[in-house]
Amino acid sequence: MNPLRKKRLLIIVALLAGVGLAVTLALGALQKNINLFYTPS
């Protein structure tokens, strides 16, 4: 694998890990308010 593809792959993996971490932290912070996301029907 050439260096450019390796660098690009590393950036994509790091980005996905960061997004996953952000989602996990957001859901953890909203865990007590998670019922706000459900419709009141």
PDB file of N, CA and C in Angstrom:
ATOM      1  N   MET A   1       0.851  -1.179   0.000  1.00  0.00           N
ATOM      2  CA  MET A   1       0.000   0.000   0.000  1.00  0.00           C
ATOM      3  C   MET A   1       0.898   1.244   0.000  1.00  0.00           C
ATOM      4  N   ASN A   2       0.613   2.149  -0.919  1.00  0.00           N
ATOM      5  CA  ASN A   2       1.477   3.328  -0.989  1.00  0.00           C
ATOM      6  C   ASN A   2       1.182   4.290   0.167  1.00  0.00           C
ATOM      7  N   PRO A   3       2.119   5.181   0.467  1.00  0.00           N
ATOM      8  CA  PRO A   3       1.989   6.044   1.651  1.00  0.00           C
ATOM      9  C   PRO A   3       0.750   6.939   1.628  1.00  0.00           C
ATOM     10  N   LEU A   4       0.333   7.409   0.436  1.00  0.00           N
ATOM     11  CA  LEU A   4      -0.827   8.301   0.365  1.00  0.00           C
ATOM     12  C   LEU A   4      -2.100   7.571   0.769  1.00  0.00           C
ATOM     13  N   ARG A   5      -2.264   6.344   0.272  1.00  0.00           N
ATOM     14  CA  ARG A   5      -3.455   5.568   0.642  1.00  0.00           C
ATOM     15  C   ARG A   5      -3.443   5.227   2.124  1.00  0.00           C
ATOM     16  N   LYS A   6      -2.258   4.931   2.642  1.00  0.00           N
ATOM     17  CA  LYS A   6      -2.144   4.592   4.064  1.00  0.00           C
ATOM     18  C   LYS A   6      -2.522   5.798   4.924  1.00  0.00           C
ATOM     19  N   LYS A   7      -2.042   6.983   4.536  1.00  0.00           N
ATOM     20  CA  LYS A   7      -2.356   8.198   5.282  1.00  0.00           C
ATOM     21  C   LYS A   7      -3.847   8.511   5.210  1.00  0.00           C
ATOM     22  N   ARG A   8      -4.425   8.359   4.014  1.00  0.00           N
ATOM     23  CA  ARG A   8      -5.849   8.631   3.842  1.00  0.00           C
ATOM     24  C   ARG A   8      -6.690   7.663   4.673  1.00  0.00           C
ATOM     25  N   LEU A   9      -6.304   6.390   4.680  1.00  0.00           N
ATOM     26  CA  LEU A   9      -7.018   5.385   5.468  1.00  0.00           C
ATOM     27  C   LEU A   9      -6.931   5.714   6.959  1.00  0.00           C
ATOM     28  N   LEU A  10      -5.752   6.130   7.397  1.00  0.00           N
ATOM     29  CA  LEU A  10      -5.568   6.489   8.803  1.00  0.00           C
ATOM     30  C   LEU A  10      -6.449   7.673   9.182  1.00  0.00           C
ATOM     31  N   ILE A  11      -6.538   8.663   8.299  1.00  0.00           N
ATOM     32  CA  ILE A  11      -7.383   9.834   8.560  1.00  0.00           C
ATOM     33  C   ILE A  11      -8.847   9.429   8.654  1.00  0.00           C
ATOM     34  N   ILE A  12      -9.294   8.566   7.742  1.00  0.00           N
ATOM     35  CA  ILE A  12     -10.692   8.124   7.745  1.00  0.00           C
ATOM     36  C   ILE A  12     -11.002   7.344   9.018  1.00  0.00           C
ATOM     37  N   VAL A  13     -10.104   6.445   9.412  1.00  0.00           N
ATOM     38  CA  VAL A  13     -10.319   5.660  10.631  1.00  0.00           C
ATOM     39  C   VAL A  13     -10.362   6.576  11.857  1.00  0.00           C
ATOM     40  N   ALA A  14      -9.469   7.550  11.920  1.00  0.00           N
ATOM     41  CA  ALA A  14      -9.456   8.476  13.051  1.00  0.00           C
ATOM     42  C   ALA A  14     -10.730   9.313  13.086  1.00  0.00           C
ATOM     43  N   LEU A  15     -11.208   9.723  11.913  1.00  0.00           N
ATOM     44  CA  LEU A  15     -12.441  10.505  11.828  1.00  0.00           C
ATOM     45  C   LEU A  15     -13.631   9.692  12.322  1.00  0.00           C
ATOM     46  N   LEU A  16     -13.719   8.437  11.875  1.00  0.00           N
ATOM     47  CA  LEU A  16     -14.818   7.572  12.316  1.00  0.00           C
ATOM     48  C   LEU A  16     -14.760   7.330  13.823  1.00  0.00           C
ATOM     49  N   ALA A  17     -13.558   7.141  14.349  1.00  0.00           N
ATOM     50  CA  ALA A  17     -13.415   6.936  15.791  1.00  0.00           C
ATOM     51  C   ALA A  17     -13.849   8.190  16.552  1.00  0.00           C
ATOM     52  N   GLY A  18     -13.491   9.357  16.042  1.00  0.00           N
ATOM     53  CA  GLY A  18     -13.895  10.612  16.681  1.00  0.00           C
ATOM     54  C   GLY A  18     -15.399  10.809  16.662  1.00  0.00           C
ATOM     55  N   VAL A  19     -16.025  10.494  15.519  1.00  0.00           N
ATOM     56  CA  VAL A  19     -17.478  10.619  15.418  1.00  0.00           C
ATOM     57  C   VAL A  19     -18.159   9.645  16.376  1.00  0.00           C
ATOM     58  N   GLY A  20     -17.645   8.421  16.429  1.00  0.00           N
ATOM     59  CA  GLY A  20     -18.215   7.439  17.345  1.00  0.00           C
ATOM     60  C   GLY A  20     -18.096   7.881  18.797  1.00  0.00           C
ATOM     61  N   LEU A  21     -16.959   8.448  19.135  1.00  0.00           N
ATOM     62  CA  LEU A  21     -16.759   8.936  20.500  1.00  0.00           C
ATOM     63  C   LEU A  21     -17.708  10.088  20.808  1.00  0.00           C
ATOM     64  N   ALA A  22     -17.883  11.000  19.845  1.00  0.00           N
ATOM     65  CA  ALA A  22     -18.786  12.137  20.047  1.00  0.00           C
ATOM     66  C   ALA A  22     -20.221  11.666  20.241  1.00  0.00           C
ATOM     67  N   VAL A  23     -20.650  10.695  19.440  1.00  0.00           N
ATOM     68  CA  VAL A  23     -22.012  10.162  19.571  1.00  0.00           C
ATOM     69  C   VAL A  23     -22.180   9.475  20.922  1.00  0.00           C
ATOM     70  N   THR A  24     -21.175   8.706  21.322  1.00  0.00           N
ATOM     71  CA  THR A  24     -21.247   8.019  22.614  1.00  0.00           C
ATOM     72  C   THR A  24     -21.351   9.015  23.767  1.00  0.00           C
ATOM     73  N   LEU A  25     -20.542  10.069  23.717  1.00  0.00           N
ATOM     74  CA  LEU A  25     -20.593  11.069  24.779  1.00  0.00           C
ATOM     75  C   LEU A  25     -21.916  11.820  24.778  1.00  0.00           C
ATOM     76  N   ALA A  26     -22.433  12.141  23.581  1.00  0.00           N
ATOM     77  CA  ALA A  26     -23.710  12.856  23.493  1.00  0.00           C
ATOM     78  C   ALA A  26     -24.841  12.007  24.047  1.00  0.00           C
ATOM     79  N   LEU A  27     -24.873  10.737  23.670  1.00  0.00           N
ATOM     80  CA  LEU A  27     -25.930   9.854  24.172  1.00  0.00           C
ATOM     81  C   LEU A  27     -25.791   9.628  25.673  1.00  0.00           C
ATOM     82  N   GLY A  28     -24.572   9.545  26.148  1.00  0.00           N
ATOM     83  CA  GLY A  28     -24.364   9.390  27.582  1.00  0.00           C
ATOM     84  C   GLY A  28     -24.842  10.612  28.353  1.00  0.00           C
ATOM     85  N   ALA A  29     -24.608  11.801  27.792  1.00  0.00           N
ATOM     86  CA  ALA A  29     -25.047  13.026  28.453  1.00  0.00           C
ATOM     87  C   ALA A  29     -26.564  13.154  28.419  1.00  0.00           C
ATOM     88  N   LEU A  30     -27.192  12.645  27.358  1.00  0.00           N
ATOM     89  CA  LEU A  30     -28.644  12.773  27.197  1.00  0.00           C
ATOM     90  C   LEU A  30     -29.407  11.553  27.691  1.00  0.00           C
ATOM     91  N   GLN A  31     -28.731  10.640  28.360  1.00  0.00           N
ATOM     92  CA  GLN A  31     -29.377   9.381  28.737  1.00  0.00           C
ATOM     93  C   GLN A  31     -30.624   9.623  29.597  1.00  0.00           C
ATOM     94  N   LYS A  32     -30.544  10.597  30.489  1.00  0.00           N
ATOM     95  CA  LYS A  32     -31.706  10.852  31.348  1.00  0.00           C
ATOM     96  C   LYS A  32     -32.801  11.618  30.607  1.00  0.00           C
ATOM     97  N   ASN A  33     -32.456  12.265  29.499  1.00  0.00           N
ATOM     98  CA  ASN A  33     -33.441  13.020  28.721  1.00  0.00           C
ATOM     99  C   ASN A  33     -33.760  12.335  27.399  1.00  0.00           C
ATOM    100  N   ILE A  34     -33.455  11.051  27.282  1.00  0.00           N
ATOM    101  CA  ILE A  34     -33.601  10.354  26.003  1.00  0.00           C
ATOM    102  C   ILE A  34     -35.061  10.241  25.599  1.00  0.00           C
ATOM    103  N   ASN A  35     -35.987  10.340  26.577  1.00  0.00           N
ATOM    104  CA  ASN A  35     -37.402  10.233  26.237  1.00  0.00           C
ATOM    105  C   ASN A  35     -37.900  11.444  25.451  1.00  0.00           C
ATOM    106  N   LEU A  36     -37.114  12.510  25.375  1.00  0.00           N
ATOM    107  CA  LEU A  36     -37.496  13.668  24.571  1.00  0.00           C
ATOM    108  C   LEU A  36     -37.469  13.349  23.084  1.00  0.00           C
ATOM    109  N   PHE A  37     -36.760  12.297  22.698  1.00  0.00           N
ATOM    110  CA  PHE A  37     -36.650  11.959  21.289  1.00  0.00           C
ATOM    111  C   PHE A  37     -37.827  11.125  20.800  1.00  0.00           C
ATOM    112  N   TYR A  38     -38.651  10.632  21.717  1.00  0.00           N
ATOM    113  CA  TYR A  38     -39.797   9.819  21.311  1.00  0.00           C
ATOM    114  C   TYR A  38     -41.018  10.706  21.129  1.00  0.00           C
ATOM    115  N   THR A  39     -41.852  10.362  20.145  1.00  0.00           N
ATOM    116  CA  THR A  39     -43.071  11.134  19.925  1.00  0.00           C
ATOM    117  C   THR A  39     -44.065  10.824  21.043  1.00  0.00           C
ATOM    118  N   PRO A  40     -44.835  11.802  21.451  1.00  0.00           N
ATOM    119  CA  PRO A  40     -45.755  11.599  22.579  1.00  0.00           C
ATOM    120  C   PRO A  40     -47.066  10.915  22.204  1.00  0.00           C
ATOM    121  N   SER A  41     -47.056  10.102  21.181  1.00  0.00           N
ATOM    122  CA  SER A  41     -48.296   9.449  20.753  1.00  0.00           C
ATOM    123  C   SER A  41     -48.575   8.206  21.593  1.00  0.00           C
TER     124      SER A  41
END
